[in-house]
Every structure is written in structure tokens, then in C-alpha cells.
Amino acid sequence: MDFKCYNVESGLLENTVLDFKEDKYGFLWLVTQNGIGRYANGEFEQHFYIEGSENCIYDGFNYLYLDEDSLINSISAFGVAKFNYQEGIFEQVKKAPEDSKFRYSNSTPVFYYINGEYWY
């Protein structure tokens, strides 16, 4: 079995991967402290927080969640962003409440996905 090592030089946002998932299209999604990378066709596509934009992941550490259609979602203490496969971007779909206790802690955000809606 052959293994290949990927790092910043090969396109990863950071050398330490904190979470990963494979979606229904076979894309491998990797979370680092600096953002999320999607690996496809031998290359990394990078996604990170952009202040003032709604077409990106939320700030803070992100976790990956596969919804009922096995599509990728990014979850952070600040909100949920869903990947739009047609546009190739994340779209912020649910902002966490301003008084969320997760915003200023190292806790994993707790949310529920019920009938197509996200709840913190």
C-alpha cells in the first residue's frame, strides 16, 4: 500500500489536520486551525473566514458535518456554513446567537439539524 504525505508546500492550509470527512462525491475535506481544504484531483482548494463576507466559513475553529444528503457543512461557535457545490463556495446559513456560550470557550458547538433547519 502506498502512502503520500501532504503538507503546506503541497497546498494544505496548515500541517496539522484536526478533522476530516469524505462527502458523497468522494471529495476529502480537511480542517486545520487556518481553514478548510477540499482535496480533489490531486490539489487542495482552500476555504477560510473572510471578514464581512457571507460566502465563506465562519470565524473560529470549524468542525465538519455531513447532512442527510452527505453534503458538507462547516460548524463553528459563530455559525453554520453549507458548501454550495454548484458555486464552489461556502454560504453562511445560520448565525449562532450573540450570547452563545460556545463563542468564548473551547467547547464543541452543540447544534441540531431538524426538518432542514439548524438550531444551537
C-alpha atoms as a PDB file:
ATOM      1  CA  MET A   1       0.000   0.000   0.000  1.00  0.00           C
ATOM      2  CA  ASP A   2       1.431   3.409  -0.978  1.00  0.00           C
ATOM      3  CA  PHE A   3       1.036   6.480   1.182  1.00  0.00           C
ATOM      4  CA  LYS A   4       1.656  10.102   0.266  1.00  0.00           C
ATOM      5  CA  CYS A   5       2.374  12.898   2.722  1.00  0.00           C
ATOM      6  CA  TYR A   6       0.675  16.268   2.213  1.00  0.00           C
ATOM      7  CA  ASN A   7       1.717  19.491   3.904  1.00  0.00           C
ATOM      8  CA  VAL A   8       1.705  23.280   3.458  1.00  0.00           C
ATOM      9  CA  GLU A   9       4.069  23.003   0.482  1.00  0.00           C
ATOM     10  CA  SER A  10       1.544  20.772  -1.306  1.00  0.00           C
ATOM     11  CA  GLY A  11      -1.392  23.135  -0.665  1.00  0.00           C
ATOM     12  CA  LEU A  12      -2.691  22.255   2.799  1.00  0.00           C
ATOM     13  CA  LEU A  13      -3.536  25.360   4.876  1.00  0.00           C
ATOM     14  CA  GLU A  14      -1.578  24.010   7.843  1.00  0.00           C
ATOM     15  CA  ASN A  15       0.353  20.826   8.586  1.00  0.00           C
ATOM     16  CA  THR A  16      -1.936  19.707  11.422  1.00  0.00           C
ATOM     17  CA  VAL A  17      -5.309  18.270  10.383  1.00  0.00           C
ATOM     18  CA  LEU A  18      -7.912  18.382  13.166  1.00  0.00           C
ATOM     19  CA  ASP A  19     -10.916  16.801  11.432  1.00  0.00           C
ATOM     20  CA  PHE A  20     -11.712  15.247   8.068  1.00  0.00           C
ATOM     21  CA  LYS A  21     -14.693  13.858   6.177  1.00  0.00           C
ATOM     22  CA  GLU A  22     -15.410  12.430   2.751  1.00  0.00           C
ATOM     23  CA  ASP A  23     -18.583  13.651   1.043  1.00  0.00           C
ATOM     24  CA  LYS A  24     -20.847  11.749  -1.342  1.00  0.00           C
ATOM     25  CA  TYR A  25     -18.846  12.974  -4.352  1.00  0.00           C
ATOM     26  CA  GLY A  26     -15.623  11.498  -2.987  1.00  0.00           C
ATOM     27  CA  PHE A  27     -14.066  14.854  -2.058  1.00  0.00           C
ATOM     28  CA  LEU A  28     -11.890  14.734   1.039  1.00  0.00           C
ATOM     29  CA  TRP A  29     -12.407  17.707   3.374  1.00  0.00           C
ATOM     30  CA  LEU A  30      -9.664  18.579   5.894  1.00  0.00           C
ATOM     31  CA  VAL A  31      -9.973  21.032   8.797  1.00  0.00           C
ATOM     32  CA  THR A  32      -6.992  22.969  10.129  1.00  0.00           C
ATOM     33  CA  GLN A  33      -6.795  25.942  12.501  1.00  0.00           C
ATOM     34  CA  ASN A  34      -6.446  28.179   9.420  1.00  0.00           C
ATOM     35  CA  GLY A  35      -9.464  26.922   7.500  1.00  0.00           C
ATOM     36  CA  ILE A  36     -10.807  24.022   5.459  1.00  0.00           C
ATOM     37  CA  GLY A  37      -9.213  22.343   2.467  1.00  0.00           C
ATOM     38  CA  ARG A  38     -11.055  20.290  -0.135  1.00  0.00           C
ATOM     39  CA  TYR A  39      -8.834  17.735  -1.815  1.00  0.00           C
ATOM     40  CA  ALA A  40      -9.773  16.734  -5.350  1.00  0.00           C
ATOM     41  CA  ASN A  41      -7.876  15.735  -8.467  1.00  0.00           C
ATOM     42  CA  GLY A  42      -4.519  15.986  -6.710  1.00  0.00           C
ATOM     43  CA  GLU A  43      -4.996  19.578  -5.496  1.00  0.00           C
ATOM     44  CA  PHE A  44      -6.269  21.433  -2.437  1.00  0.00           C
ATOM     45  CA  GLU A  45      -8.964  24.082  -2.710  1.00  0.00           C
ATOM     46  CA  GLN A  46      -8.772  26.370   0.321  1.00  0.00           C
ATOM     47  CA  HIS A  47     -11.711  27.844   2.244  1.00  0.00           C
ATOM     48  CA  PHE A  48     -11.295  30.236   5.165  1.00  0.00           C
ATOM     49  CA  TYR A  49     -13.019  33.061   7.016  1.00  0.00           C
ATOM     50  CA  ILE A  50     -13.203  36.413   5.194  1.00  0.00           C
ATOM     51  CA  GLU A  51     -14.372  39.283   7.391  1.00  0.00           C
ATOM     52  CA  GLY A  52     -17.527  40.920   6.035  1.00  0.00           C
ATOM     53  CA  SER A  53     -18.342  38.123   3.573  1.00  0.00           C
ATOM     54  CA  GLU A  54     -21.290  35.723   3.769  1.00  0.00           C
ATOM     55  CA  ASN A  55     -19.689  33.426   1.193  1.00  0.00           C
ATOM     56  CA  CYS A  56     -17.194  31.747   3.478  1.00  0.00           C
ATOM     57  CA  ILE A  57     -16.917  29.641   6.601  1.00  0.00           C
ATOM     58  CA  TYR A  58     -17.478  31.323   9.969  1.00  0.00           C
ATOM     59  CA  ASP A  59     -14.581  32.537  12.091  1.00  0.00           C
ATOM     60  CA  GLY A  60     -13.191  30.314  14.811  1.00  0.00           C
ATOM     61  CA  PHE A  61     -12.389  26.639  14.813  1.00  0.00           C
ATOM     62  CA  ASN A  62     -14.615  24.718  12.413  1.00  0.00           C
ATOM     63  CA  TYR A  63     -15.951  21.180  12.559  1.00  0.00           C
ATOM     64  CA  LEU A  64     -17.317  19.230   9.615  1.00  0.00           C
ATOM     65  CA  TYR A  65     -20.809  17.787   9.472  1.00  0.00           C
ATOM     66  CA  LEU A  66     -22.346  15.668   6.710  1.00  0.00           C
ATOM     67  CA  ASP A  67     -26.055  16.379   6.352  1.00  0.00           C
ATOM     68  CA  GLU A  68     -28.727  13.826   5.397  1.00  0.00           C
ATOM     69  CA  ASP A  69     -27.640  14.076   1.741  1.00  0.00           C
ATOM     70  CA  SER A  70     -23.966  13.513   2.703  1.00  0.00           C
ATOM     71  CA  LEU A  71     -23.153  17.101   1.746  1.00  0.00           C
ATOM     72  CA  ILE A  72     -20.567  19.074   3.715  1.00  0.00           C
ATOM     73  CA  ASN A  73     -21.345  21.722   6.338  1.00  0.00           C
ATOM     74  CA  SER A  74     -18.900  23.759   8.410  1.00  0.00           C
ATOM     75  CA  ILE A  75     -19.850  24.297  12.046  1.00  0.00           C
ATOM     76  CA  SER A  76     -18.175  26.810  14.369  1.00  0.00           C
ATOM     77  CA  ALA A  77     -19.108  28.642  17.557  1.00  0.00           C
ATOM     78  CA  PHE A  78     -20.180  31.556  15.340  1.00  0.00           C
ATOM     79  CA  GLY A  79     -22.479  29.680  12.967  1.00  0.00           C
ATOM     80  CA  VAL A  80     -23.086  27.105  10.244  1.00  0.00           C
ATOM     81  CA  ALA A  81     -21.952  27.414   6.632  1.00  0.00           C
ATOM     82  CA  LYS A  82     -23.103  24.982   3.940  1.00  0.00           C
ATOM     83  CA  PHE A  83     -20.974  24.251   0.895  1.00  0.00           C
ATOM     84  CA  ASN A  84     -22.637  25.210  -2.388  1.00  0.00           C
ATOM     85  CA  TYR A  85     -21.304  22.616  -4.825  1.00  0.00           C
ATOM     86  CA  GLN A  86     -22.523  24.489  -7.922  1.00  0.00           C
ATOM     87  CA  GLU A  87     -20.812  27.765  -6.956  1.00  0.00           C
ATOM     88  CA  GLY A  88     -17.817  26.180  -5.215  1.00  0.00           C
ATOM     89  CA  ILE A  89     -18.217  28.342  -2.095  1.00  0.00           C
ATOM     90  CA  PHE A  90     -19.463  28.101   1.470  1.00  0.00           C
ATOM     91  CA  GLU A  91     -22.635  30.063   2.262  1.00  0.00           C
ATOM     92  CA  GLN A  92     -23.400  31.117   5.817  1.00  0.00           C
ATOM     93  CA  VAL A  93     -26.826  29.678   6.639  1.00  0.00           C
ATOM     94  CA  LYS A  94     -27.216  30.024  10.416  1.00  0.00           C
ATOM     95  CA  LYS A  95     -25.553  32.524  12.724  1.00  0.00           C
ATOM     96  CA  ALA A  96     -25.109  31.438  16.333  1.00  0.00           C
ATOM     97  CA  PRO A  97     -26.891  33.567  18.943  1.00  0.00           C
ATOM     98  CA  GLU A  98     -24.820  36.532  20.149  1.00  0.00           C
ATOM     99  CA  ASP A  99     -24.985  35.193  23.711  1.00  0.00           C
ATOM    100  CA  SER A 100     -23.783  31.729  22.702  1.00  0.00           C
ATOM    101  CA  LYS A 101     -21.656  30.281  25.491  1.00  0.00           C
ATOM    102  CA  PHE A 102     -19.567  28.473  22.883  1.00  0.00           C
ATOM    103  CA  ARG A 103     -18.153  31.692  21.394  1.00  0.00           C
ATOM    104  CA  TYR A 104     -15.643  32.226  24.159  1.00  0.00           C
ATOM    105  CA  SER A 105     -14.852  28.689  25.207  1.00  0.00           C
ATOM    106  CA  ASN A 106     -13.015  25.734  23.775  1.00  0.00           C
ATOM    107  CA  SER A 107     -16.205  23.672  23.769  1.00  0.00           C
ATOM    108  CA  THR A 108     -17.548  21.982  20.681  1.00  0.00           C
ATOM    109  CA  PRO A 109     -20.639  23.832  19.458  1.00  0.00           C
ATOM    110  CA  VAL A 110     -23.814  21.852  20.011  1.00  0.00           C
ATOM    111  CA  PHE A 111     -26.433  22.109  17.310  1.00  0.00           C
ATOM    112  CA  TYR A 112     -29.322  20.140  15.925  1.00  0.00           C
ATOM    113  CA  TYR A 113     -30.456  19.767  12.317  1.00  0.00           C
ATOM    114  CA  ILE A 114     -34.231  19.335  12.378  1.00  0.00           C
ATOM    115  CA  ASN A 115     -36.515  19.486   9.348  1.00  0.00           C
ATOM    116  CA  GLY A 116     -33.928  21.335   7.282  1.00  0.00           C
ATOM    117  CA  GLU A 117     -33.060  23.935   9.957  1.00  0.00           C
ATOM    118  CA  TYR A 118     -30.058  24.359  12.243  1.00  0.00           C
ATOM    119  CA  TRP A 119     -30.613  25.018  15.962  1.00  0.00           C
ATOM    120  CA  TYR A 120     -27.967  25.996  18.530  1.00  0.00           C
END
